[in-house]
Protein backbone atom coordinates (compact mmCIF):
# COMPACT_ATOMS: atom_id res chain seq x y z
CA MET A 1 -38.78 58.25 -29.76
CA SER A 2 -42.72 58.84 -30.64
CA ILE A 3 -43.50 62.09 -32.24
CA LEU A 4 -45.14 63.37 -28.93
CA ASN A 5 -41.95 63.02 -27.32
CA TYR A 6 -40.42 64.59 -30.02
CA LEU A 7 -42.51 67.30 -30.02
CA HIS A 8 -42.42 67.82 -26.20
CA THR A 9 -38.76 68.25 -26.26
CA ALA A 10 -37.85 69.96 -29.61
CA PRO A 11 -36.76 73.68 -28.83
CA TRP A 12 -38.61 74.50 -31.99
CA PHE A 13 -41.78 73.96 -30.76
CA LEU A 14 -41.45 75.60 -27.23
CA PRO A 15 -43.52 78.78 -28.83
CA VAL A 16 -46.51 76.33 -29.68
CA ARG A 17 -46.66 74.59 -26.16
CA ILE A 18 -46.54 77.70 -24.64
CA ILE A 19 -49.35 79.53 -26.32
CA LEU A 20 -51.21 76.39 -26.09
CA SER A 21 -50.40 76.09 -21.91
CA ILE A 22 -51.99 79.61 -21.79
CA ALA A 23 -55.12 78.81 -23.78
CA TYR A 24 -55.19 75.39 -21.65
CA GLY A 25 -54.85 77.37 -18.36
CA PHE A 26 -57.50 79.81 -19.61
CA ILE A 27 -60.20 76.94 -20.27
CA THR A 28 -60.04 75.12 -17.00
CA SER A 29 -59.67 78.36 -15.04
CA ALA A 30 -63.05 79.65 -16.61
CA ARG A 31 -64.33 75.55 -16.43
CA ASN A 32 -63.80 75.92 -12.66
CA LEU A 33 -65.61 79.28 -12.44
CA PHE A 34 -68.84 77.74 -13.83
CA PHE A 35 -68.57 74.81 -11.90
CA ASN A 36 -68.46 77.39 -8.58
CA LEU A 37 -70.99 79.70 -10.03
CA GLY A 38 -73.50 76.70 -10.48
CA ILE A 39 -73.64 77.41 -14.29
CA PHE A 40 -72.26 73.79 -14.75
CA LYS A 41 -74.39 71.14 -13.14
CA ILE A 42 -72.71 68.93 -10.45
CA HIS A 43 -74.88 65.34 -9.92
CA ARG A 44 -75.58 63.29 -6.87
CA VAL A 45 -75.96 60.25 -7.21
CA GLY A 46 -76.98 58.77 -4.27
CA THR A 47 -74.29 56.54 -3.29
CA PRO A 48 -71.37 57.98 -0.91
CA ILE A 49 -68.24 58.61 -3.44
CA ILE A 50 -64.43 59.38 -2.27
CA SER A 51 -62.51 61.11 -5.22
CA VAL A 52 -59.08 60.57 -4.83
CA GLY A 53 -56.83 62.61 -7.54
CA ASN A 54 -54.09 64.98 -8.21
CA ILE A 55 -53.26 68.30 -10.23
CA THR A 56 -49.99 66.81 -12.13
CA VAL A 57 -49.85 64.54 -15.30
CA GLY A 58 -47.78 61.27 -14.28
CA GLY A 59 -47.78 59.01 -11.34
CA SER A 60 -48.05 60.15 -7.80
CA GLY A 61 -49.68 57.13 -6.05
CA LYS A 62 -53.12 57.38 -6.41
CA THR A 63 -53.83 54.10 -7.66
CA ILE A 64 -51.99 52.95 -4.15
CA LEU A 65 -53.87 55.43 -2.33
CA VAL A 66 -57.21 53.74 -3.79
CA GLN A 67 -56.04 50.34 -2.75
CA SER A 68 -55.61 51.42 0.69
CA ILE A 69 -58.80 52.68 0.88
CA ILE A 70 -60.44 49.58 -0.44
CA GLU A 71 -58.62 47.58 2.43
CA TYR A 72 -60.01 49.96 4.79
CA PHE A 73 -63.52 49.44 3.93
CA ILE A 74 -63.33 45.85 3.44
CA ALA A 75 -61.72 45.67 7.18
CA HIS A 76 -64.53 47.23 8.33
CA LYS A 77 -67.06 44.99 6.67
CA LYS A 78 -68.35 47.50 3.91
CA ARG A 79 -68.86 46.95 0.32
CA PRO A 80 -66.52 49.32 -1.94
CA ALA A 81 -66.60 49.45 -5.42
CA VAL A 82 -64.35 51.49 -7.85
CA LEU A 83 -64.77 54.02 -10.75
CA SER A 84 -62.51 54.71 -13.06
CA ARG A 85 -61.76 56.44 -17.05
CA GLY A 86 -59.28 53.67 -17.93
CA TYR A 87 -56.43 55.53 -19.10
CA GLY A 88 -55.16 54.20 -22.21
CA ARG A 89 -57.98 50.99 -22.85
CA THR A 90 -58.90 49.95 -26.23
CA SER A 91 -62.35 50.10 -25.13
CA ARG A 92 -64.90 52.79 -25.14
CA GLY A 93 -68.12 54.07 -22.91
CA LEU A 94 -69.12 51.97 -19.86
CA PHE A 95 -67.31 49.16 -19.55
CA LEU A 96 -67.44 46.20 -16.57
CA VAL A 97 -64.26 45.29 -15.76
CA ALA A 98 -65.11 42.91 -12.87
CA ASP A 99 -68.00 42.04 -11.25
CA GLU A 100 -68.93 40.11 -7.85
CA ASN A 101 -67.90 36.97 -9.17
CA SER A 102 -65.52 37.13 -12.00
CA ILE A 103 -62.71 39.99 -13.76
CA LEU A 104 -64.07 40.27 -17.32
CA GLY A 105 -61.58 42.68 -18.67
CA THR A 106 -57.96 42.92 -19.71
CA SER A 107 -55.04 45.19 -18.84
CA LEU A 108 -55.91 46.36 -22.51
CA SER A 109 -59.76 46.90 -22.22
CA ALA A 110 -59.76 48.11 -19.10
CA GLY A 111 -56.70 50.17 -18.45
CA ASP A 112 -53.77 49.48 -16.10
CA GLU A 113 -54.78 50.44 -12.84
CA ALA A 114 -58.54 49.44 -13.10
CA PHE A 115 -57.19 45.73 -14.13
CA ILE A 116 -54.85 45.73 -11.41
CA ILE A 117 -57.51 46.83 -8.51
CA ALA A 118 -59.79 44.27 -10.53
CA GLN A 119 -56.72 41.47 -9.86
CA ASN A 120 -55.99 42.36 -6.45
CA PHE A 121 -59.57 42.58 -4.81
CA PRO A 122 -61.84 39.72 -6.39
CA GLY A 123 -65.29 40.21 -5.78
CA ILE A 124 -65.07 44.27 -5.77
CA PRO A 125 -66.99 45.71 -8.90
CA VAL A 126 -64.96 47.87 -10.82
CA VAL A 127 -66.39 50.07 -13.65
CA VAL A 128 -64.22 52.27 -16.20
CA SER A 129 -66.11 55.06 -18.15
CA GLU A 130 -65.51 58.42 -19.75
CA ASP A 131 -68.27 59.60 -18.21
CA ARG A 132 -68.41 59.50 -14.35
CA VAL A 133 -71.93 60.48 -13.62
CA MET A 134 -73.15 57.47 -15.86
CA GLY A 135 -70.31 54.93 -14.36
CA ALA A 136 -71.28 55.92 -10.79
CA LYS A 137 -75.14 55.48 -11.22
CA TYR A 138 -74.64 52.00 -13.08
CA LEU A 139 -72.16 51.03 -9.79
CA GLY A 140 -75.45 52.07 -7.30
CA LYS A 141 -77.90 50.53 -9.72
CA SER A 142 -76.14 47.53 -10.43
CA PHE A 143 -74.50 46.45 -7.36
CA SER A 144 -75.49 48.60 -4.47
CA PRO A 145 -72.33 49.58 -2.96
CA ASP A 146 -71.61 51.17 0.65
CA VAL A 147 -69.21 53.78 -0.99
CA ILE A 148 -67.48 54.64 -4.47
CA ILE A 149 -63.99 55.06 -4.83
CA LEU A 150 -63.41 57.37 -7.93
CA ASP A 151 -60.06 56.61 -9.41
CA ASP A 152 -58.24 59.99 -10.52
CA GLY A 153 -61.22 62.26 -10.30
CA PHE A 154 -60.18 65.64 -8.72
CA GLN A 155 -60.75 67.41 -12.14
CA HIS A 156 -64.23 65.68 -13.03
CA ARG A 157 -66.25 67.68 -11.00
CA ARG A 158 -69.50 66.84 -12.94
CA LEU A 159 -70.01 63.99 -10.12
CA TYR A 160 -70.28 65.50 -6.72
CA ARG A 161 -67.85 63.57 -4.12
CA ASP A 162 -68.76 63.32 -0.32
CA LEU A 163 -65.10 63.08 0.26
CA ASP A 164 -62.01 64.88 -2.31
CA VAL A 165 -58.62 63.47 -1.21
CA LEU A 166 -55.59 65.49 -3.29
CA LEU A 167 -52.38 63.76 -3.85
CA LEU A 168 -49.31 65.80 -4.22
CA ASP A 169 -46.17 63.93 -5.25
CA THR A 170 -44.11 67.20 -4.87
CA PRO A 171 -44.74 70.60 -3.76
CA ALA A 172 -42.02 71.83 -6.11
CA ASN A 173 -44.92 71.22 -8.97
CA PHE A 174 -46.87 74.21 -7.73
CA HIS A 175 -44.23 76.05 -9.83
CA ASN A 176 -44.48 74.16 -13.05
CA HIS A 177 -46.47 75.17 -15.89
CA MET A 178 -49.75 74.41 -17.06
CA LEU A 179 -50.02 71.55 -20.10
CA PRO A 180 -48.43 70.85 -22.62
CA TRP A 181 -45.84 73.01 -21.75
CA GLY A 182 -45.65 71.97 -18.36
CA ARG A 183 -47.21 68.81 -16.16
CA LEU A 184 -49.78 70.66 -14.31
CA ARG A 185 -53.61 69.57 -15.22
CA GLU A 186 -54.99 73.00 -13.14
CA SER A 187 -53.65 75.82 -11.11
CA PRO A 188 -52.28 74.93 -7.83
CA ARG A 189 -54.78 77.94 -6.45
CA ASN A 190 -57.51 75.32 -6.71
CA ILE A 191 -55.94 72.86 -4.20
CA GLY A 192 -58.17 74.52 -1.17
CA ARG A 193 -60.94 72.35 -3.28
CA ALA A 194 -59.83 69.50 -1.29
CA ASP A 195 -61.20 68.21 1.49
CA GLN A 196 -58.05 66.32 2.75
CA ILE A 197 -54.12 66.92 1.15
CA ILE A 198 -51.72 64.40 1.08
CA TYR A 199 -48.22 64.29 0.14
CA SER A 200 -46.52 61.05 -1.31
CA LYS A 201 -43.02 60.32 -2.55
CA ASN A 202 -41.00 63.46 -2.42
CA GLY A 203 -43.66 65.42 -0.58
CA LEU A 204 -42.39 67.61 2.08
CA ARG A 205 -43.26 66.63 5.85
CA ALA A 206 -45.31 69.56 7.16
CA ASN A 207 -47.54 69.96 9.93
CA ALA A 208 -50.31 70.73 7.53
CA PHE A 209 -50.21 68.05 5.39
CA GLU A 210 -50.28 63.96 5.82
CA ASN A 211 -47.85 61.75 3.93
CA LEU A 212 -49.09 58.29 2.36
CA THR A 213 -46.31 55.88 3.27
CA LEU A 214 -45.14 53.51 0.38
CA SER A 215 -43.55 50.51 0.91
CA LEU A 216 -42.44 47.35 -1.29
CA ASP A 217 -43.22 44.18 -0.35
CA VAL A 218 -40.18 41.73 0.97
CA CYS A 219 -41.37 39.06 -1.81
CA VAL A 220 -41.74 38.82 -5.17
CA TYR A 221 -44.35 36.64 -7.13
CA ASP A 222 -43.82 34.43 -10.46
CA GLN A 223 -46.43 34.02 -13.58
CA ASN A 224 -48.55 31.39 -11.17
CA GLY A 225 -48.98 33.50 -8.45
CA ASN A 226 -45.90 31.92 -6.13
CA GLN A 227 -44.61 34.05 -3.43
CA LEU A 228 -40.80 33.95 -3.45
CA MET A 229 -38.65 35.93 -0.52
CA LEU A 230 -36.19 38.50 -1.96
CA GLU A 231 -33.25 37.35 -0.12
CA ASN A 232 -33.59 34.07 -1.29
CA LEU A 233 -33.06 35.09 -4.95
CA SER A 234 -29.57 34.79 -6.09
CA GLY A 235 -27.89 36.40 -9.26
CA ASN A 236 -27.43 39.67 -10.86
CA TYR A 237 -30.82 41.42 -11.87
CA GLY A 238 -32.38 44.00 -14.00
CA MET A 239 -35.32 46.30 -13.77
CA PHE A 240 -37.88 47.78 -16.01
CA ALA A 241 -40.80 49.87 -15.51
CA GLY A 242 -43.72 51.98 -17.23
CA LEU A 243 -44.61 54.61 -14.80
CA GLY A 244 -45.01 58.24 -14.71
CA ASN A 245 -42.13 58.39 -11.90
CA PRO A 246 -39.75 55.12 -12.34
CA GLU A 247 -37.19 56.50 -10.58
CA CYS A 248 -39.19 56.12 -6.92
CA PHE A 249 -39.79 52.47 -7.93
CA PHE A 250 -35.96 51.62 -8.74
CA ASP A 251 -34.78 53.38 -5.48
CA SER A 252 -36.78 51.83 -3.29
CA LEU A 253 -36.69 48.21 -5.00
CA GLN A 254 -32.36 48.76 -4.90
CA GLN A 255 -32.60 49.89 -1.20
CA ILE A 256 -33.94 46.32 0.08
CA HIS A 257 -32.95 44.32 -2.72
CA GLY A 258 -29.24 45.63 -3.66
CA PRO A 259 -28.10 48.11 -6.52
CA THR A 260 -28.26 46.97 -9.99
CA GLU A 261 -26.77 48.95 -13.21
CA ILE A 262 -29.46 47.36 -15.46
CA GLN A 263 -32.51 50.53 -15.02
CA ILE A 264 -34.90 50.30 -18.21
CA VAL A 265 -37.25 53.17 -18.22
CA LEU A 266 -40.06 52.86 -20.56
CA PRO A 267 -43.43 55.49 -21.26
CA ASP A 268 -45.99 55.69 -18.84
CA HIS A 269 -48.70 52.61 -19.68
CA ALA A 270 -46.27 51.50 -22.20
CA GLN A 271 -47.92 48.52 -24.26
CA TYR A 272 -44.85 46.43 -24.55
CA ASN A 273 -44.23 46.58 -28.19
CA GLU A 274 -41.46 44.46 -30.40
CA SER A 275 -39.24 47.18 -29.72
CA GLN A 276 -39.60 47.82 -25.98
CA LEU A 277 -39.21 44.18 -25.74
CA ASN A 278 -36.01 43.99 -27.84
CA LEU A 279 -34.70 46.80 -25.36
CA ILE A 280 -34.93 44.34 -22.40
CA ARG A 281 -33.53 41.21 -24.64
CA SER A 282 -30.72 43.46 -25.07
CA ASN A 283 -29.45 43.13 -21.21
CA SER A 284 -28.29 39.74 -19.75
CA CYS A 285 -29.08 39.18 -16.20
CA ASP A 286 -30.10 36.35 -14.10
CA TYR A 287 -33.87 37.60 -13.67
CA TRP A 288 -35.74 40.91 -13.91
CA ILE A 289 -37.76 42.87 -11.30
CA THR A 290 -40.63 44.75 -12.37
CA THR A 291 -44.34 46.33 -11.26
CA GLN A 292 -47.11 44.33 -11.17
CA LYS A 293 -49.02 46.83 -13.58
CA ASP A 294 -46.57 46.31 -16.28
CA TYR A 295 -46.00 42.41 -15.71
CA PHE A 296 -49.49 41.53 -16.91
CA LYS A 297 -49.07 43.31 -20.01
CA LEU A 298 -46.15 40.78 -20.73
CA ASP A 299 -46.87 37.70 -22.82
CA ALA A 300 -46.20 34.42 -20.66
CA GLY A 301 -43.73 33.04 -23.05
CA PHE A 302 -41.75 36.18 -22.46
CA ILE A 303 -42.00 35.69 -18.65
CA LYS A 304 -40.63 32.46 -18.82
CA GLU A 305 -37.66 32.69 -20.91
CA HIS A 306 -36.57 35.78 -19.05
CA THR A 307 -37.12 35.08 -15.68
CA VAL A 308 -39.29 37.84 -14.93
CA TYR A 309 -41.02 38.62 -11.25
CA TYR A 310 -43.37 41.45 -9.86
CA ILE A 311 -43.26 43.30 -6.64
CA LYS A 312 -46.43 44.95 -4.88
CA VAL A 313 -46.55 48.18 -3.88
CA SER A 314 -48.70 49.07 -0.64
CA GLY A 315 -49.26 52.28 0.82
CA THR A 316 -50.61 52.92 4.85
CA LEU A 317 -53.47 55.31 5.34
CA PRO A 318 -52.27 58.88 6.64
CA GLY A 319 -54.23 58.99 10.06
CA ALA A 320 -56.11 62.07 9.45
CA LEU A 321 -57.89 60.52 6.36
CA ARG A 322 -58.65 57.16 8.15
CA GLY A 323 -60.17 59.40 10.98
CA GLN A 324 -62.53 61.19 8.01
CA LEU A 325 -63.34 57.52 6.61
CA LYS A 326 -64.30 56.46 10.30
CA GLN A 327 -66.55 59.61 10.97
CA ASN A 328 -67.85 59.68 7.66
CA PHE A 329 -68.60 56.63 6.49
CA ASN A 330 -69.12 53.85 8.86
C-alpha cells in the first residue's frame, strides 16, 4: 500500500483530512467567486473551445466522451484538436503528443488519456499543457483547427469555452466531501455553470439530463493490432485494470464474455511496476483482457508471455449534446 493510500484510510489521519477538506473547499469557492466577479481574467483564444469535465476525482468516462465528440467532428468534415493536462506524465510544460503526421509521445511522456486519443485518431493534433491557455493558443497558431476539445477542463476557468459539458458518474457523489476527505473537486452547487450535464455509468435517467451510453467492443486486439472476436476466445480468462472505477469495466466485460473470478484492481493510472506485474503473474489463466490505456503501458514481452489482449470502450453521444454541436459548431 502506498503512503497516500495509507493516509487516506488511516483513522488517525481523518481529522487532518477534514481540516484540509474545509480549507480546500474555501479556496475553490473563493477562486470561483473571483472568476464570476471578473477579478480573475478568462482568456479567449480565437478558436472555439469545447470543455469536457467533472466535479469528482476518478473515472467518469470523460475520455470516452471526448473521443465521441472527435468522431462527430470527423464525420462532419471538421478538423478537431485535443488539449489535456496529461495527468501522470513525465514531461513538463507544453508537450506536443501528436501532430497531423505522427505520434510524438508515449503514454509516459504524454499521460494515459492523451496518448490513447492520439493512438485512436491519427492525424488529430494532441497537446498536453498545465497552462491550458498557452496550449490552446499553440494549437490555434500551429494547426488552425476548427475546434479544440479540452479534456478534463471544468475547473480550468482561465480558458474561455464556447460549450461546457459536465459529466457526472453518479448523483450520490453530490453528498460526498471535498478533497482530500472525499472525492469532490468543487461544490455540486457549481454544476449550474455547465451548458450541458450528462450522466454516465450509474447516473440516474432523469428527464432533465442526458445519458452517455458506454459499450464494449465485441472483439479484442493483440499487440499487432489484429482483431479477435470475443466469442472465438476459448479457455478461462482474467481481467486487470488501473481505472478510477474498474468495477464498471469488469461488470460490462463479464456481461458479454462470461464470468471470471480473476479480477485484479490496480491504482488509477498504474504504471505497472514489478510488484504489480507479479500480482498478475501470480494468477493462472489462459489469457487476460484489459483496457486499451493499460495495455499500452505493458512490455511487449510480458504481453506475449501472458497472452494479454485489450478491448475498446465506445460511447454514443446523447441527443441533446449532438444537437448543440450541430447548432453551434457546424
